[in-house]
Protein backbone atom coordinates (compact mmCIF):
# COMPACT_ATOMS: atom_id res chain seq x y z
CA MET A 1 31.22 -4.44 45.37
CA LYS A 2 27.93 -6.08 46.14
CA PRO A 3 29.35 -8.30 48.87
CA ARG A 4 31.04 -5.26 50.41
CA ARG A 5 27.72 -3.37 50.61
CA THR A 6 26.13 -6.41 52.18
CA LEU A 7 28.91 -6.61 54.73
CA ARG A 8 28.58 -2.93 55.54
CA GLY A 9 24.82 -3.30 55.90
CA GLY A 10 25.26 -6.24 58.20
CA MET A 11 27.79 -4.41 60.34
CA ALA A 12 25.47 -1.41 60.57
CA ALA A 13 22.57 -3.61 61.64
CA LEU A 14 24.77 -5.28 64.25
CA ALA A 15 25.87 -1.90 65.60
CA ILE A 16 22.25 -0.75 65.90
CA ALA A 17 21.33 -3.97 67.69
CA ILE A 18 24.20 -3.63 70.15
CA ALA A 19 23.29 0.01 70.82
CA ALA A 20 19.70 -0.98 71.49
CA VAL A 21 20.77 -3.61 73.99
CA VAL A 22 23.22 -1.28 75.73
CA SER A 23 20.76 1.59 75.93
CA GLY A 24 17.94 -0.76 76.91
CA GLY A 25 19.78 -2.17 79.93
CA PRO A 26 19.66 0.96 82.12
CA ALA A 27 16.15 1.78 80.92
CA GLN A 28 14.92 -1.63 82.00
CA ALA A 29 16.65 -1.31 85.38
CA GLN A 30 14.99 2.04 85.96
CA THR A 31 11.53 0.49 85.56
CA LEU A 32 11.87 -1.12 89.01
CA PRO A 33 10.27 1.23 91.52
CA THR A 34 11.95 2.41 94.68
CA ILE A 35 10.38 0.75 97.71
CA VAL A 36 9.90 3.07 100.68
CA LEU A 37 9.35 1.35 104.05
CA VAL A 38 7.78 3.46 106.83
CA HIS A 39 8.02 2.13 110.38
CA GLY A 40 5.38 2.49 113.04
CA ALA A 41 5.20 3.24 116.75
CA PHE A 42 7.40 1.48 119.32
CA ALA A 43 9.96 0.80 116.56
CA ASP A 44 12.47 2.52 114.32
CA THR A 45 13.90 1.97 110.85
CA THR A 46 15.77 -1.18 111.98
CA SER A 47 12.44 -3.00 112.25
CA TRP A 48 12.54 -3.21 108.44
CA ASP A 49 16.06 -4.66 108.23
CA GLY A 50 15.03 -8.20 107.32
CA VAL A 51 12.44 -7.17 104.74
CA ALA A 52 14.74 -4.54 103.24
CA ALA A 53 17.58 -7.05 102.85
CA LEU A 54 15.33 -9.49 100.99
CA LEU A 55 14.03 -6.82 98.62
CA ARG A 56 17.52 -5.50 97.91
CA GLU A 57 18.63 -9.03 97.06
CA ARG A 58 15.86 -9.04 94.46
CA GLY A 59 17.18 -5.90 92.81
CA TYR A 60 15.05 -3.19 94.38
CA ARG A 61 16.29 0.08 95.75
CA VAL A 62 14.90 0.34 99.29
CA VAL A 63 14.62 3.50 101.40
CA THR A 64 13.65 3.51 105.10
CA PRO A 65 12.86 7.08 106.19
CA ASP A 66 12.61 8.07 109.81
CA ASN A 67 9.03 8.44 111.05
CA PRO A 68 9.02 11.11 113.80
CA LEU A 69 5.85 9.68 115.44
CA ARG A 70 4.55 13.15 116.27
CA GLY A 71 1.22 13.15 114.40
CA PRO A 72 -0.19 12.21 110.98
CA ALA A 73 0.25 15.56 109.22
CA TYR A 74 3.72 16.22 110.63
CA ASP A 75 4.93 12.68 109.99
CA ALA A 76 3.50 12.55 106.47
CA ALA A 77 5.34 15.78 105.67
CA ALA A 78 8.57 14.26 107.00
CA VAL A 79 8.16 11.19 104.79
CA GLN A 80 7.27 13.39 101.83
CA ARG A 81 10.61 15.19 102.18
CA THR A 82 12.29 11.83 101.63
CA LEU A 83 10.06 11.04 98.66
CA ASP A 84 11.01 14.38 97.13
CA THR A 85 14.60 13.12 96.86
CA ILE A 86 13.56 10.05 94.83
CA SER A 87 13.03 10.12 91.09
CA GLY A 88 10.79 7.63 89.35
CA PRO A 89 7.98 5.37 90.54
CA MET A 90 7.65 4.22 94.14
CA VAL A 91 5.87 1.63 96.25
CA LEU A 92 5.04 3.06 99.68
CA VAL A 93 4.76 0.63 102.59
CA GLY A 94 3.60 1.29 106.14
CA HIS A 95 3.64 -0.89 109.25
CA SER A 96 1.25 -0.21 112.15
CA TYR A 97 0.99 3.56 112.69
CA GLY A 98 3.09 3.89 109.54
CA GLY A 99 -0.09 2.98 107.65
CA PHE A 100 -1.77 6.08 109.03
CA VAL A 101 1.18 8.12 107.81
CA ILE A 102 1.29 6.75 104.26
CA SER A 103 -2.46 7.29 104.02
CA ASN A 104 -1.73 10.99 104.43
CA VAL A 105 1.02 11.09 101.79
CA ASN A 106 -0.22 12.05 98.35
CA ASP A 107 2.59 11.82 95.82
CA PRO A 108 1.94 11.18 92.11
CA GLN A 109 5.05 9.01 91.88
CA VAL A 110 3.60 6.46 94.34
CA GLU A 111 2.12 3.68 92.22
CA SER A 112 0.91 1.40 94.99
CA LEU A 113 0.48 1.27 98.76
CA VAL A 114 1.12 -1.65 101.11
CA TYR A 115 -0.27 -1.91 104.64
CA ILE A 116 1.46 -4.37 106.97
CA ASN A 117 -1.02 -4.93 109.85
CA ALA A 118 -1.44 -1.17 109.77
CA PHE A 119 -3.93 1.60 110.35
CA ALA A 120 -5.78 2.57 107.17
CA PRO A 121 -8.03 5.51 108.09
CA VAL A 122 -10.80 7.26 106.22
CA GLN A 123 -10.90 11.04 106.17
CA GLY A 124 -11.53 12.51 109.61
CA GLU A 125 -10.84 9.24 111.45
CA ILE A 126 -8.37 8.93 114.32
CA ALA A 127 -6.10 5.94 114.88
CA GLN A 128 -7.70 5.21 118.24
CA ALA A 129 -10.94 4.31 116.44
CA ALA A 130 -9.29 1.18 115.05
CA LEU A 131 -8.64 0.06 118.65
CA ASP A 132 -12.27 0.49 119.74
CA PRO A 133 -12.73 -2.40 122.24
CA ILE A 134 -16.48 -2.59 121.56
CA ARG A 135 -16.19 -3.16 117.81
CA PHE A 136 -12.72 -4.71 117.80
CA PRO A 137 -11.92 -6.44 121.10
CA GLY A 138 -8.56 -7.98 121.87
CA SER A 139 -5.93 -5.24 121.88
CA GLN A 140 -3.45 -5.52 124.75
CA LEU A 141 -2.14 -2.02 124.14
CA LEU A 142 -3.34 -0.92 127.56
CA PRO A 143 -1.78 -0.04 130.93
CA PRO A 144 0.34 -1.41 132.50
CA ALA A 145 1.85 -2.62 129.19
CA LEU A 146 1.35 0.86 127.75
CA GLN A 147 3.16 3.54 129.72
CA VAL A 148 3.47 7.31 129.25
CA LYS A 149 6.27 9.77 129.87
CA VAL A 150 7.05 13.44 129.32
CA VAL A 151 9.64 13.98 126.59
CA ASP A 152 11.45 16.90 125.04
CA ASP A 153 9.69 17.76 121.79
CA PRO A 154 10.02 21.01 119.80
CA GLN A 155 6.58 20.26 118.33
CA GLY A 156 4.94 20.10 121.75
CA ILE A 157 3.67 22.77 124.11
CA ALA A 158 6.59 24.61 125.72
CA GLY A 159 8.97 22.15 124.09
CA LYS A 160 7.46 19.13 125.86
CA ASN A 161 5.08 16.35 124.93
CA VAL A 162 3.46 13.24 126.43
CA ASP A 163 4.56 10.04 124.70
CA GLY A 164 3.42 6.45 124.96
CA TYR A 165 5.76 3.47 125.01
CA LEU A 166 5.68 -0.23 125.83
CA ALA A 167 7.01 -1.32 129.22
CA PRO A 168 10.05 -3.63 129.14
CA ASP A 169 8.29 -6.53 130.84
CA SER A 170 5.42 -6.42 128.30
CA PHE A 171 7.18 -5.65 125.04
CA ASN A 172 7.84 -9.26 123.95
CA ALA A 173 4.41 -10.59 124.95
CA VAL A 174 2.33 -7.73 123.52
CA PHE A 175 4.30 -6.50 120.51
CA ALA A 176 6.30 -9.49 119.30
CA GLN A 177 5.28 -12.74 120.96
CA ASP A 178 6.53 -14.80 117.99
CA VAL A 179 10.18 -13.73 118.18
CA ASP A 180 12.80 -15.06 120.59
CA SER A 181 13.78 -13.13 123.70
CA ALA A 182 17.11 -11.94 122.26
CA THR A 183 15.41 -10.49 119.17
CA ALA A 184 12.75 -8.87 121.35
CA ALA A 185 15.45 -7.34 123.55
CA ASP A 186 17.11 -5.83 120.48
CA MET A 187 13.77 -4.48 119.26
CA PHE A 188 13.07 -3.00 122.67
CA ALA A 189 16.45 -1.26 122.61
CA HIS A 190 15.36 0.42 119.36
CA GLN A 191 11.88 1.29 120.62
CA ARG A 192 10.68 4.81 119.75
CA SER A 193 7.87 6.36 121.76
CA ILE A 194 4.91 8.01 120.02
CA ALA A 195 3.15 11.23 120.95
CA VAL A 196 -0.15 10.31 122.62
CA ALA A 197 -1.80 13.07 120.60
CA ALA A 198 -0.78 11.34 117.35
CA ASN A 199 -3.49 8.72 117.90
CA LEU A 200 -6.10 11.45 118.36
CA GLN A 201 -5.40 13.57 115.28
CA PRO A 202 -7.81 13.06 112.36
CA SER A 203 -6.66 11.81 108.99
CA GLY A 204 -6.81 13.89 105.85
CA PRO A 205 -8.13 12.50 102.55
CA PRO A 206 -6.60 9.01 102.32
CA SER A 207 -4.23 8.28 99.47
CA TRP A 208 -5.52 4.71 99.24
CA SER A 209 -8.79 6.01 97.79
CA THR A 210 -6.96 6.77 94.53
CA THR A 211 -4.01 4.35 94.66
CA PRO A 212 -3.98 0.52 94.32
CA SER A 213 -3.48 -0.96 97.77
CA TRP A 214 -2.44 -4.22 99.41
CA TYR A 215 -3.03 -5.27 103.03
CA LEU A 216 -1.38 -8.01 105.08
CA VAL A 217 -3.39 -9.04 108.16
CA ALA A 218 -1.51 -10.45 111.15
CA ALA A 219 -3.92 -13.00 112.62
CA ALA A 220 -2.18 -13.14 116.02
CA ASP A 221 -1.75 -9.38 116.45
CA ARG A 222 -2.15 -8.21 120.06
CA VAL A 223 -1.85 -4.49 119.27
CA ILE A 224 -4.25 -3.86 116.37
CA PRO A 225 -6.94 -6.58 116.60
CA PRO A 226 -7.13 -8.77 113.48
CA SER A 227 -10.85 -7.99 113.21
CA SER A 228 -10.00 -4.31 112.94
CA GLN A 229 -7.37 -5.03 110.29
CA ARG A 230 -9.83 -7.06 108.22
CA PHE A 231 -12.41 -4.31 108.52
CA MET A 232 -10.00 -1.63 107.30
CA ALA A 233 -8.68 -3.81 104.48
CA GLN A 234 -12.20 -4.59 103.24
CA ARG A 235 -13.30 -0.96 103.56
CA MET A 236 -10.43 0.24 101.39
CA GLY A 237 -10.87 -2.52 98.82
CA ALA A 238 -7.29 -3.71 99.29
CA ARG A 239 -5.87 -6.93 97.90
CA THR A 240 -5.72 -8.79 101.20
CA SER A 241 -3.75 -11.74 102.52
CA GLU A 242 -3.27 -13.08 106.02
CA ILE A 243 -0.52 -14.75 108.05
CA ASP A 244 -0.34 -16.14 111.57
CA ALA A 245 1.95 -13.50 113.05
CA SER A 246 2.30 -10.98 115.85
CA HIS A 247 2.22 -7.22 115.43
CA ALA A 248 5.92 -7.50 114.58
CA SER A 249 5.25 -9.58 111.46
CA LEU A 250 7.90 -7.66 109.52
CA VAL A 251 10.50 -9.01 111.99
CA SER A 252 9.13 -12.50 112.64
CA GLN A 253 8.11 -13.31 109.05
CA PRO A 254 10.11 -11.06 106.71
CA ASP A 255 9.76 -13.46 103.75
CA ASP A 256 5.97 -13.25 103.80
CA VAL A 257 6.03 -9.48 104.22
CA ALA A 258 8.54 -9.04 101.39
CA ALA A 259 6.37 -11.22 99.16
CA VAL A 260 3.36 -8.95 99.68
CA VAL A 261 5.45 -5.87 98.98
CA GLN A 262 6.80 -7.41 95.80
CA ALA A 263 3.28 -8.37 94.73
CA ALA A 264 2.39 -4.67 94.85
CA VAL A 265 5.07 -3.77 92.29
CA PRO A 266 3.27 -2.83 89.05
CA ASN A 267 3.92 -5.17 86.13
């Protein structure tokens, strides 16, 4: 009888161990946060394709919400609607103007923020301040490269708005000088214009003031001057790294960008 009890005890212990492993598998998988990638001006969600593919290969769920590019409060609310559909922890990433947007998203499920050569405002600041040519010279986001047009916009006055966009003959040189012409042509085809007023609307209380943040500076950026990026990164106390890349660093150097995003995943 004694050996039988020992056998039963061993089988019971084995069953408990197997159950622990089986139940632990999904639990461990769920600890990986969802990574939310927010695009900026003059781009759409496809600008994240390379970075998103790399992160998905590493086991992360990646979401790329549409950024309407209408203004910080409106755009942050649009991104928040996407976040409301996600359960569990998140890492929120913004490129360019997308950084202004994620700074105005305050969601308790967001565990860290990542700024990819992006605006990182303080409360009451407008995006245009980061392009101040006196303090931060070097931006080429000026006419004739920068053009404006009237667009249909339900959020605008009488259903219209004034948007800014990059001219076709300047897009490659100003926005993405480190990608080949075919890639630049594809990016231009996906260009989204931004409401001019969006750069003049003040930020609310920034989420980075209460959330761990990372910042990747693009040292060859011709849109947001690198000096401005370094200033914002230092001001916010972000964990900062730097690469030799254009404003389109997420397209030209997706491996480096993905590495910074992954570094922001809580251990």
